Amino acid sequence: MTMTDETSVSPAVSAGPEPPARPAPVPSPRDDPAPQPLSPPPAWLQRWEIAAVLLVSLGASALYALLSFIGSLTAKQSLSHQTATLNGSLAPGRPLLDLFSQLLNITLSLAPVFLVFYLLARAGERPSSIGADAREPGRDLARGAVLAAVIGGSGLGLYLIAFHSGVELNVVAENLPDIWWRIPVLLLSALQNAISEEVIMIGYLLSRLDRLGVRPGRAIVLSAVIRGSYHLYQGAGAFLGNAVMGLIFGYLYRRWGRVMPLIIAHFLIDAVTFVGYALLAGHVSWLPKP
């Protein structure tokens, strides 16, 4: 009997079901590549951006101020017999509601500043590109304090001359209830004014006009005119004084490349004005009564 060699093949040993594939690890934010700045948009789109930022911030205030000034000029009373209140009660007779209304108003008024920082980030720029940082605290504070002393004193003198000449309204710097949160709210209001105006009208606007190729001198004048315009509700003297302030601030920004000294100076000017008025109005003869 012939034997046939057969190759014995052992059956494969089953290892059981394969484990499911693990999902790929999700990269953490730290592993993400740094965002790349977008390419500069065309000039017409940059103009639209500037117009949009201004229309949701100080440009809109300028339009309302112009309308208010026209109303004051056409009123039966002379300008010196009319008042413009800078910080008034938002809920008279209800102090707690008034406080929260004041805080909400201050917070929302800073929204355009966040928009500006977002637009800077999209262009690959940081707040430090306009000098809105704390890299030079001592120098910024010294420059801001000197600037506030010079401009604040000159501005007060100009206001008093304009008021007694009949071309300025009686500016009531504050008309808040005499309560514990009065001074803190006035200081916060001064800070909000300083941040909004200097970041938008100086840091943002001048940097964007530079991109459009606008001459530095013309850009400063445009910024100064807009600054004066949104103070028109206080009268012609306020327009002139703030426009001059805008020219000085614009020139110094070109030299220093920083808005922080300007923010500090503006805050000190407004803080002294608001708090000083709260403490002195009705107690000194040279300050118009509310």
C-alpha atoms as a PDB file:
ATOM      1  CA  MET A   1       0.000   0.000   0.000  1.00  0.00           C
ATOM      2  CA  THR A   2       1.495   3.203  -1.114  1.00  0.00           C
ATOM      3  CA  MET A   3       1.689   5.848   1.594  1.00  0.00           C
ATOM      4  CA  THR A   4       1.184   9.498   0.543  1.00  0.00           C
ATOM      5  CA  ASP A   5       3.021  12.147   2.517  1.00  0.00           C
ATOM      6  CA  GLU A   6       0.594  14.743   3.773  1.00  0.00           C
ATOM      7  CA  THR A   7       1.591  17.982   5.262  1.00  0.00           C
ATOM      8  CA  SER A   8      -0.339  18.489   8.440  1.00  0.00           C
ATOM      9  CA  VAL A   9      -1.458  22.010   8.898  1.00  0.00           C
ATOM     10  CA  SER A  10      -2.402  23.014  12.393  1.00  0.00           C
ATOM     11  CA  PRO A  11      -5.440  25.237  12.540  1.00  0.00           C
ATOM     12  CA  ALA A  12      -4.762  28.874  13.271  1.00  0.00           C
ATOM     13  CA  VAL A  13      -5.239  29.791  16.847  1.00  0.00           C
ATOM     14  CA  SER A  14      -7.905  32.468  17.132  1.00  0.00           C
ATOM     15  CA  ALA A  15      -6.763  35.469  19.188  1.00  0.00           C
ATOM     16  CA  GLY A  16     -10.274  36.703  19.728  1.00  0.00           C
ATOM     17  CA  PRO A  17     -11.818  39.929  18.411  1.00  0.00           C
ATOM     18  CA  GLU A  18      -9.394  42.719  17.703  1.00  0.00           C
ATOM     19  CA  PRO A  19      -9.632  45.698  20.105  1.00  0.00           C
ATOM     20  CA  PRO A  20     -11.267  48.765  18.606  1.00  0.00           C
ATOM     21  CA  ALA A  21      -8.922  51.338  17.198  1.00  0.00           C
ATOM     22  CA  ARG A  22      -8.217  54.186  19.555  1.00  0.00           C
ATOM     23  CA  PRO A  23      -9.296  57.602  18.337  1.00  0.00           C
ATOM     24  CA  ALA A  24      -6.530  60.001  17.428  1.00  0.00           C
ATOM     25  CA  PRO A  25      -5.656  62.290  20.330  1.00  0.00           C
ATOM     26  CA  VAL A  26      -7.202  65.700  20.111  1.00  0.00           C
ATOM     27  CA  PRO A  27      -4.468  68.337  20.093  1.00  0.00           C
ATOM     28  CA  SER A  28      -4.592  70.732  22.974  1.00  0.00           C
ATOM     29  CA  PRO A  29      -4.731  74.487  22.319  1.00  0.00           C
ATOM     30  CA  ARG A  30      -1.032  74.614  23.149  1.00  0.00           C
ATOM     31  CA  ASP A  31      -0.297  72.238  20.250  1.00  0.00           C
ATOM     32  CA  ASP A  32      -2.208  74.334  17.723  1.00  0.00           C
ATOM     33  CA  PRO A  33      -0.043  76.325  15.363  1.00  0.00           C
ATOM     34  CA  ALA A  34       0.042  80.036  15.930  1.00  0.00           C
ATOM     35  CA  PRO A  35      -2.664  81.784  13.904  1.00  0.00           C
ATOM     36  CA  GLN A  36      -1.345  83.405  10.800  1.00  0.00           C
ATOM     37  CA  PRO A  37      -2.352  87.023  10.124  1.00  0.00           C
ATOM     38  CA  LEU A  38      -4.726  87.513   7.261  1.00  0.00           C
ATOM     39  CA  SER A  39      -3.446  89.245   4.182  1.00  0.00           C
ATOM     40  CA  PRO A  40      -4.276  92.979   4.204  1.00  0.00           C
ATOM     41  CA  PRO A  41      -7.724  93.582   2.700  1.00  0.00           C
ATOM     42  CA  PRO A  42      -8.139  95.962  -0.228  1.00  0.00           C
ATOM     43  CA  ALA A  43      -8.248  99.670   0.524  1.00  0.00           C
ATOM     44  CA  TRP A  44     -12.005  99.963   0.044  1.00  0.00           C
ATOM     45  CA  LEU A  45     -12.594  97.228   2.611  1.00  0.00           C
ATOM     46  CA  GLN A  46     -10.252  98.932   5.081  1.00  0.00           C
ATOM     47  CA  ARG A  47     -12.277 102.122   4.697  1.00  0.00           C
ATOM     48  CA  TRP A  48     -15.448 100.165   5.408  1.00  0.00           C
ATOM     49  CA  GLU A  49     -13.833  98.722   8.541  1.00  0.00           C
ATOM     50  CA  ILE A  50     -12.901 102.185   9.828  1.00  0.00           C
ATOM     51  CA  ALA A  51     -16.395 103.496   9.096  1.00  0.00           C
ATOM     52  CA  ALA A  52     -18.008 100.523  10.859  1.00  0.00           C
ATOM     53  CA  VAL A  53     -15.869 100.920  13.984  1.00  0.00           C
ATOM     54  CA  LEU A  54     -16.581 104.643  14.168  1.00  0.00           C
ATOM     55  CA  LEU A  55     -20.315 104.249  13.567  1.00  0.00           C
ATOM     56  CA  VAL A  56     -20.680 101.846  16.495  1.00  0.00           C
ATOM     57  CA  SER A  57     -18.559 104.018  18.779  1.00  0.00           C
ATOM     58  CA  LEU A  58     -17.401 107.625  18.844  1.00  0.00           C
ATOM     59  CA  GLY A  59     -18.470 108.496  15.318  1.00  0.00           C
ATOM     60  CA  ALA A  60     -22.076 107.865  16.308  1.00  0.00           C
ATOM     61  CA  SER A  61     -21.525 110.011  19.395  1.00  0.00           C
ATOM     62  CA  ALA A  62     -20.271 112.810  17.120  1.00  0.00           C
ATOM     63  CA  LEU A  63     -23.497 112.720  15.091  1.00  0.00           C
ATOM     64  CA  TYR A  64     -25.658 112.860  18.216  1.00  0.00           C
ATOM     65  CA  ALA A  65     -23.500 115.656  19.639  1.00  0.00           C
ATOM     66  CA  LEU A  66     -23.868 117.683  16.430  1.00  0.00           C
ATOM     67  CA  LEU A  67     -27.638 117.280  16.544  1.00  0.00           C
ATOM     68  CA  SER A  68     -27.670 118.281  20.208  1.00  0.00           C
ATOM     69  CA  PHE A  69     -25.567 121.366  19.461  1.00  0.00           C
ATOM     70  CA  ILE A  70     -27.943 122.431  16.693  1.00  0.00           C
ATOM     71  CA  GLY A  71     -30.789 122.041  19.161  1.00  0.00           C
ATOM     72  CA  SER A  72     -28.975 124.207  21.689  1.00  0.00           C
ATOM     73  CA  LEU A  73     -28.268 126.913  19.110  1.00  0.00           C
ATOM     74  CA  THR A  74     -31.900 127.046  18.022  1.00  0.00           C
ATOM     75  CA  ALA A  75     -33.295 127.043  21.560  1.00  0.00           C
ATOM     76  CA  LYS A  76     -34.812 130.209  23.011  1.00  0.00           C
ATOM     77  CA  GLN A  77     -32.327 130.277  25.893  1.00  0.00           C
ATOM     78  CA  SER A  78     -28.729 131.386  25.478  1.00  0.00           C
ATOM     79  CA  LEU A  79     -26.064 128.692  25.614  1.00  0.00           C
ATOM     80  CA  SER A  80     -24.820 129.775  29.042  1.00  0.00           C
ATOM     81  CA  HIS A  81     -28.330 129.186  30.455  1.00  0.00           C
ATOM     82  CA  GLN A  82     -28.472 125.621  29.141  1.00  0.00           C
ATOM     83  CA  THR A  83     -26.847 122.616  30.786  1.00  0.00           C
ATOM     84  CA  ALA A  84     -25.056 119.516  29.561  1.00  0.00           C
ATOM     85  CA  THR A  85     -24.798 116.711  32.110  1.00  0.00           C
ATOM     86  CA  LEU A  86     -21.886 114.312  31.733  1.00  0.00           C
ATOM     87  CA  ASN A  87     -22.695 111.775  34.447  1.00  0.00           C
ATOM     88  CA  GLY A  88     -26.354 111.772  35.409  1.00  0.00           C
ATOM     89  CA  SER A  89     -28.598 109.384  37.293  1.00  0.00           C
ATOM     90  CA  LEU A  90     -29.999 106.529  35.185  1.00  0.00           C
ATOM     91  CA  ALA A  91     -32.657 105.533  37.708  1.00  0.00           C
ATOM     92  CA  PRO A  92     -33.576 108.569  39.875  1.00  0.00           C
ATOM     93  CA  GLY A  93     -34.799 107.657  43.332  1.00  0.00           C
ATOM     94  CA  ARG A  94     -33.671 104.014  43.027  1.00  0.00           C
ATOM     95  CA  PRO A  95     -30.013 103.923  44.145  1.00  0.00           C
ATOM     96  CA  LEU A  96     -29.365 100.179  43.708  1.00  0.00           C
ATOM     97  CA  LEU A  97     -30.916 100.048  40.243  1.00  0.00           C
ATOM     98  CA  ASP A  98     -29.045 103.221  39.390  1.00  0.00           C
ATOM     99  CA  LEU A  99     -25.746 101.619  40.431  1.00  0.00           C
ATOM    100  CA  PHE A 100     -26.233  98.524  38.261  1.00  0.00           C
ATOM    101  CA  SER A 101     -27.391 100.691  35.360  1.00  0.00           C
ATOM    102  CA  GLN A 102     -24.246 102.811  35.659  1.00  0.00           C
ATOM    103  CA  LEU A 103     -21.997  99.734  35.729  1.00  0.00           C
ATOM    104  CA  LEU A 104     -23.773  98.182  32.747  1.00  0.00           C
ATOM    105  CA  ASN A 105     -23.519 101.394  30.776  1.00  0.00           C
ATOM    106  CA  ILE A 106     -19.789 101.686  31.482  1.00  0.00           C
ATOM    107  CA  THR A 107     -19.158  98.053  30.555  1.00  0.00           C
ATOM    108  CA  LEU A 108     -21.083  98.156  27.277  1.00  0.00           C
ATOM    109  CA  SER A 109     -19.391 101.404  26.320  1.00  0.00           C
ATOM    110  CA  LEU A 110     -16.111  99.461  26.238  1.00  0.00           C
ATOM    111  CA  ALA A 111     -17.442  96.961  23.665  1.00  0.00           C
ATOM    112  CA  PRO A 112     -15.958  98.883  20.683  1.00  0.00           C
ATOM    113  CA  VAL A 113     -12.544  98.635  22.347  1.00  0.00           C
ATOM    114  CA  PHE A 114     -12.832  94.837  22.371  1.00  0.00           C
ATOM    115  CA  LEU A 115     -13.814  95.040  18.701  1.00  0.00           C
ATOM    116  CA  VAL A 116     -10.669  97.053  17.966  1.00  0.00           C
ATOM    117  CA  PHE A 117      -8.447  94.523  19.753  1.00  0.00           C
ATOM    118  CA  TYR A 118     -10.138  91.724  17.792  1.00  0.00           C
ATOM    119  CA  LEU A 119      -9.472  93.499  14.500  1.00  0.00           C
ATOM    120  CA  LEU A 120      -5.862  94.045  15.506  1.00  0.00           C
ATOM    121  CA  ALA A 121      -5.508  90.331  16.308  1.00  0.00           C
ATOM    122  CA  ARG A 122      -6.967  89.345  12.938  1.00  0.00           C
ATOM    123  CA  ALA A 123      -4.301  91.477  11.294  1.00  0.00           C
ATOM    124  CA  GLY A 124      -1.586  89.720  13.327  1.00  0.00           C
ATOM    125  CA  GLU A 125      -1.121  92.611  15.725  1.00  0.00           C
ATOM    126  CA  ARG A 126      -1.212  92.700  19.499  1.00  0.00           C
ATOM    127  CA  PRO A 127      -2.347  95.562  21.745  1.00  0.00           C
ATOM    128  CA  SER A 128       1.347  96.327  22.183  1.00  0.00           C
ATOM    129  CA  SER A 129       1.473  97.333  18.503  1.00  0.00           C
ATOM    130  CA  ILE A 130      -0.291 100.556  19.533  1.00  0.00           C
ATOM    131  CA  GLY A 131       1.370 100.752  22.926  1.00  0.00           C
ATOM    132  CA  ALA A 132      -1.623  99.496  24.920  1.00  0.00           C
ATOM    133  CA  ASP A 133       0.425  97.439  27.370  1.00  0.00           C
ATOM    134  CA  ALA A 134       2.244  97.696  30.695  1.00  0.00           C
ATOM    135  CA  ARG A 135       5.832  97.429  29.476  1.00  0.00           C
ATOM    136  CA  GLU A 136       6.818 100.950  30.600  1.00  0.00           C
ATOM    137  CA  PRO A 137       4.672 101.716  33.661  1.00  0.00           C
ATOM    138  CA  GLY A 138       6.974 104.314  35.225  1.00  0.00           C
ATOM    139  CA  ARG A 139       7.586 106.286  32.051  1.00  0.00           C
ATOM    140  CA  ASP A 140       3.935 106.076  30.996  1.00  0.00           C
ATOM    141  CA  LEU A 141       2.759 107.323  34.394  1.00  0.00           C
ATOM    142  CA  ALA A 142       5.230 110.221  34.430  1.00  0.00           C
ATOM    143  CA  ARG A 143       4.341 111.309  30.907  1.00  0.00           C
ATOM    144  CA  GLY A 144       0.623 110.962  31.585  1.00  0.00           C
ATOM    145  CA  ALA A 145       0.757 112.959  34.812  1.00  0.00           C
ATOM    146  CA  VAL A 146       2.661 115.869  33.237  1.00  0.00           C
ATOM    147  CA  LEU A 147       0.361 115.866  30.226  1.00  0.00           C
ATOM    148  CA  ALA A 148      -2.732 115.836  32.449  1.00  0.00           C
ATOM    149  CA  ALA A 149      -1.468 118.784  34.500  1.00  0.00           C
ATOM    150  CA  VAL A 150      -0.757 120.896  31.415  1.00  0.00           C
ATOM    151  CA  ILE A 151      -3.857 120.048  29.382  1.00  0.00           C
ATOM    152  CA  GLY A 152      -6.217 119.797  32.357  1.00  0.00           C
ATOM    153  CA  GLY A 153      -5.321 123.230  33.666  1.00  0.00           C
ATOM    154  CA  SER A 154      -5.479 124.806  30.218  1.00  0.00           C
ATOM    155  CA  GLY A 155      -8.786 123.104  29.472  1.00  0.00           C
ATOM    156  CA  LEU A 156     -10.402 124.390  32.659  1.00  0.00           C
ATOM    157  CA  GLY A 157      -9.309 127.931  31.876  1.00  0.00           C
ATOM    158  CA  LEU A 158     -10.613 127.680  28.314  1.00  0.00           C
ATOM    159  CA  TYR A 159     -13.954 126.348  29.556  1.00  0.00           C
ATOM    160  CA  LEU A 160     -14.432 129.170  32.058  1.00  0.00           C
ATOM    161  CA  ILE A 161     -13.584 131.791  29.406  1.00  0.00           C
ATOM    162  CA  ALA A 162     -15.981 130.198  26.904  1.00  0.00           C
ATOM    163  CA  PHE A 163     -18.772 129.880  29.477  1.00  0.00           C
ATOM    164  CA  HIS A 164     -18.575 133.481  30.627  1.00  0.00           C
ATOM    165  CA  SER A 165     -18.393 134.562  26.960  1.00  0.00           C
ATOM    166  CA  GLY A 166     -21.752 132.875  26.351  1.00  0.00           C
ATOM    167  CA  VAL A 167     -20.538 130.304  23.791  1.00  0.00           C
ATOM    168  CA  GLU A 168     -20.447 127.325  26.155  1.00  0.00           C
ATOM    169  CA  LEU A 169     -23.159 125.445  27.978  1.00  0.00           C
ATOM    170  CA  ASN A 170     -23.116 125.042  31.727  1.00  0.00           C
ATOM    171  CA  VAL A 171     -21.366 121.674  31.861  1.00  0.00           C
ATOM    172  CA  VAL A 172     -22.547 119.657  34.852  1.00  0.00           C
ATOM    173  CA  ALA A 173     -19.791 117.097  35.278  1.00  0.00           C
ATOM    174  CA  GLU A 174     -21.884 114.890  37.531  1.00  0.00           C
ATOM    175  CA  ASN A 175     -25.378 114.758  38.946  1.00  0.00           C
ATOM    176  CA  LEU A 176     -25.341 111.444  40.767  1.00  0.00           C
ATOM    177  CA  PRO A 177     -27.012 110.792  44.116  1.00  0.00           C
ATOM    178  CA  ASP A 178     -24.829 111.556  47.133  1.00  0.00           C
ATOM    179  CA  ILE A 179     -24.317 107.903  48.061  1.00  0.00           C
ATOM    180  CA  TRP A 180     -21.374 105.575  48.749  1.00  0.00           C
ATOM    181  CA  TRP A 181     -20.873 104.460  45.132  1.00  0.00           C
ATOM    182  CA  ARG A 182     -20.849 107.985  43.710  1.00  0.00           C
ATOM    183  CA  ILE A 183     -17.054 108.511  43.601  1.00  0.00           C
ATOM    184  CA  PRO A 184     -16.183 104.946  42.443  1.00  0.00           C
ATOM    185  CA  VAL A 185     -18.642 105.228  39.554  1.00  0.00           C
ATOM    186  CA  LEU A 186     -17.202 108.597  38.565  1.00  0.00           C
ATOM    187  CA  LEU A 187     -13.703 107.097  38.523  1.00  0.00           C
ATOM    188  CA  LEU A 188     -14.883 104.148  36.435  1.00  0.00           C
ATOM    189  CA  SER A 189     -16.579 106.546  34.041  1.00  0.00           C
ATOM    190  CA  ALA A 190     -13.326 108.490  33.691  1.00  0.00           C
ATOM    191  CA  LEU A 191     -11.430 105.264  33.002  1.00  0.00           C
ATOM    192  CA  GLN A 192     -13.947 104.157  30.378  1.00  0.00           C
ATOM    193  CA  ASN A 193     -13.708 107.509  28.595  1.00  0.00           C
ATOM    194  CA  ALA A 194      -9.920 107.374  28.584  1.00  0.00           C
ATOM    195  CA  ILE A 195      -9.653 103.826  27.264  1.00  0.00           C
ATOM    196  CA  SER A 196     -12.336 104.213  24.600  1.00  0.00           C
ATOM    197  CA  GLU A 197     -11.175 107.522  23.190  1.00  0.00           C
ATOM    198  CA  GLU A 198      -7.440 106.878  23.132  1.00  0.00           C
ATOM    199  CA  VAL A 199      -7.561 103.288  21.883  1.00  0.00           C
ATOM    200  CA  ILE A 200     -10.102 104.048  19.135  1.00  0.00           C
ATOM    201  CA  MET A 201      -9.301 107.624  18.095  1.00  0.00           C
ATOM    202  CA  ILE A 202      -5.519 107.436  18.454  1.00  0.00           C
ATOM    203  CA  GLY A 203      -4.163 103.879  18.425  1.00  0.00           C
ATOM    204  CA  TYR A 204      -6.639 102.272  16.053  1.00  0.00           C
ATOM    205  CA  LEU A 205      -7.609 105.137  13.763  1.00  0.00           C
ATOM    206  CA  LEU A 206      -4.096 106.476  13.177  1.00  0.00           C
ATOM    207  CA  SER A 207      -2.669 102.996  12.552  1.00  0.00           C
ATOM    208  CA  ARG A 208      -5.414 102.213  10.033  1.00  0.00           C
ATOM    209  CA  LEU A 209      -5.016 105.549   8.264  1.00  0.00           C
ATOM    210  CA  ASP A 210      -1.301 104.796   7.997  1.00  0.00           C
ATOM    211  CA  ARG A 211      -2.154 101.594   6.129  1.00  0.00           C
ATOM    212  CA  LEU A 212      -4.282 103.569   3.716  1.00  0.00           C
ATOM    213  CA  GLY A 213      -1.362 105.866   2.996  1.00  0.00           C
ATOM    214  CA  VAL A 214      -2.909 108.963   4.578  1.00  0.00           C
ATOM    215  CA  ARG A 215      -0.290 111.538   5.471  1.00  0.00           C
ATOM    216  CA  PRO A 216       0.453 111.563   9.227  1.00  0.00           C
ATOM    217  CA  GLY A 217      -0.464 115.237   9.608  1.00  0.00           C
ATOM    218  CA  ARG A 218      -3.799 114.812   7.868  1.00  0.00           C
ATOM    219  CA  ALA A 219      -4.574 111.702   9.901  1.00  0.00           C
ATOM    220  CA  ILE A 220      -3.945 113.569  13.170  1.00  0.00           C
ATOM    221  CA  VAL A 221      -6.157 116.459  12.060  1.00  0.00           C
ATOM    222  CA  LEU A 222      -8.976 114.088  11.074  1.00  0.00           C
ATOM    223  CA  SER A 223      -8.762 112.300  14.422  1.00  0.00           C
ATOM    224  CA  ALA A 224      -8.738 115.622  16.290  1.00  0.00           C
ATOM    225  CA  VAL A 225     -11.777 116.947  14.416  1.00  0.00           C
ATOM    226  CA  ILE A 226     -13.764 113.803  15.213  1.00  0.00           C
ATOM    227  CA  ARG A 227     -12.693 114.061  18.863  1.00  0.00           C
ATOM    228  CA  GLY A 228     -13.902 117.638  19.036  1.00  0.00           C
ATOM    229  CA  SER A 229     -17.146 116.747  17.255  1.00  0.00           C
ATOM    230  CA  TYR A 230     -18.402 114.257  19.825  1.00  0.00           C
ATOM    231  CA  HIS A 231     -17.968 116.940  22.490  1.00  0.00           C
ATOM    232  CA  LEU A 232     -20.115 119.470  20.614  1.00  0.00           C
ATOM    233  CA  TYR A 233     -23.092 118.822  22.895  1.00  0.00           C
ATOM    234  CA  GLN A 234     -21.152 120.829  25.498  1.00  0.00           C
ATOM    235  CA  GLY A 235     -20.715 123.813  23.174  1.00  0.00           C
ATOM    236  CA  ALA A 236     -18.252 125.317  20.711  1.00  0.00           C
ATOM    237  CA  GLY A 237     -15.592 125.763  23.393  1.00  0.00           C
ATOM    238  CA  ALA A 238     -15.611 122.032  24.132  1.00  0.00           C
ATOM    239  CA  PHE A 239     -15.208 121.300  20.428  1.00  0.00           C
ATOM    240  CA  LEU A 240     -12.211 123.595  20.143  1.00  0.00           C
ATOM    241  CA  GLY A 241     -10.569 122.464  23.383  1.00  0.00           C
ATOM    242  CA  ASN A 242     -10.907 118.768  22.635  1.00  0.00           C
ATOM    243  CA  ALA A 243      -9.776 119.211  19.047  1.00  0.00           C
ATOM    244  CA  VAL A 244      -6.592 120.900  20.293  1.00  0.00           C
ATOM    245  CA  MET A 245      -6.167 118.076  22.782  1.00  0.00           C
ATOM    246  CA  GLY A 246      -6.527 115.603  19.914  1.00  0.00           C
ATOM    247  CA  LEU A 247      -3.801 117.377  17.939  1.00  0.00           C
ATOM    248  CA  ILE A 248      -1.422 117.217  20.906  1.00  0.00           C
ATOM    249  CA  PHE A 249      -2.233 113.599  21.693  1.00  0.00           C
ATOM    250  CA  GLY A 250      -1.846 112.599  18.048  1.00  0.00           C
ATOM    251  CA  TYR A 251       1.535 114.287  17.788  1.00  0.00           C
ATOM    252  CA  LEU A 252       2.777 112.662  21.001  1.00  0.00           C
ATOM    253  CA  TYR A 253       1.531 109.255  19.875  1.00  0.00           C
ATOM    254  CA  ARG A 254       3.603 109.645  16.708  1.00  0.00           C
ATOM    255  CA  ARG A 255       6.658 110.399  18.827  1.00  0.00           C
ATOM    256  CA  TRP A 256       6.156 107.823  21.574  1.00  0.00           C
ATOM    257  CA  GLY A 257       4.317 105.073  19.693  1.00  0.00           C
ATOM    258  CA  ARG A 258       2.234 104.382  22.815  1.00  0.00           C
ATOM    259  CA  VAL A 259      -1.329 105.108  23.869  1.00  0.00           C
ATOM    260  CA  MET A 260      -0.793 104.241  27.542  1.00  0.00           C
ATOM    261  CA  PRO A 261       0.517 107.705  28.536  1.00  0.00           C
ATOM    262  CA  LEU A 262      -2.476 109.220  26.749  1.00  0.00           C
ATOM    263  CA  ILE A 263      -4.902 106.896  28.534  1.00  0.00           C
ATOM    264  CA  ILE A 264      -3.352 107.824  31.884  1.00  0.00           C
ATOM    265  CA  ALA A 265      -3.469 111.549  31.099  1.00  0.00           C
ATOM    266  CA  HIS A 266      -7.077 111.373  29.910  1.00  0.00           C
ATOM    267  CA  PHE A 267      -8.108 109.387  32.975  1.00  0.00           C
ATOM    268  CA  LEU A 268      -6.481 111.881  35.349  1.00  0.00           C
ATOM    269  CA  ILE A 269      -8.110 114.836  33.573  1.00  0.00           C
ATOM    270  CA  ASP A 270     -11.595 113.304  33.701  1.00  0.00           C
ATOM    271  CA  ALA A 271     -11.180 111.935  37.225  1.00  0.00           C
ATOM    272  CA  VAL A 272     -10.162 115.336  38.605  1.00  0.00           C
ATOM    273  CA  THR A 273     -12.975 116.997  36.647  1.00  0.00           C
ATOM    274  CA  PHE A 274     -15.698 114.605  37.810  1.00  0.00           C
ATOM    275  CA  VAL A 275     -14.644 114.210  41.427  1.00  0.00           C
ATOM    276  CA  GLY A 276     -13.597 117.847  41.749  1.00  0.00           C
ATOM    277  CA  TYR A 277     -16.971 118.996  40.497  1.00  0.00           C
ATOM    278  CA  ALA A 278     -18.738 116.667  42.938  1.00  0.00           C
ATOM    279  CA  LEU A 279     -16.790 118.175  45.828  1.00  0.00           C
ATOM    280  CA  LEU A 280     -16.647 121.846  44.779  1.00  0.00           C
ATOM    281  CA  ALA A 281     -19.809 122.660  42.821  1.00  0.00           C
ATOM    282  CA  GLY A 282     -21.877 125.139  44.793  1.00  0.00           C
ATOM    283  CA  HIS A 283     -19.010 125.798  47.219  1.00  0.00           C
ATOM    284  CA  VAL A 284     -16.710 127.987  45.102  1.00  0.00           C
ATOM    285  CA  SER A 285     -17.704 131.111  43.214  1.00  0.00           C
ATOM    286  CA  TRP A 286     -15.627 130.555  40.060  1.00  0.00           C
ATOM    287  CA  LEU A 287     -17.300 127.236  39.159  1.00  0.00           C
ATOM    288  CA  PRO A 288     -20.748 127.531  37.504  1.00  0.00           C
ATOM    289  CA  LYS A 289     -23.523 126.204  39.708  1.00  0.00           C
ATOM    290  CA  PRO A 290     -25.431 123.099  38.530  1.00  0.00           C
END
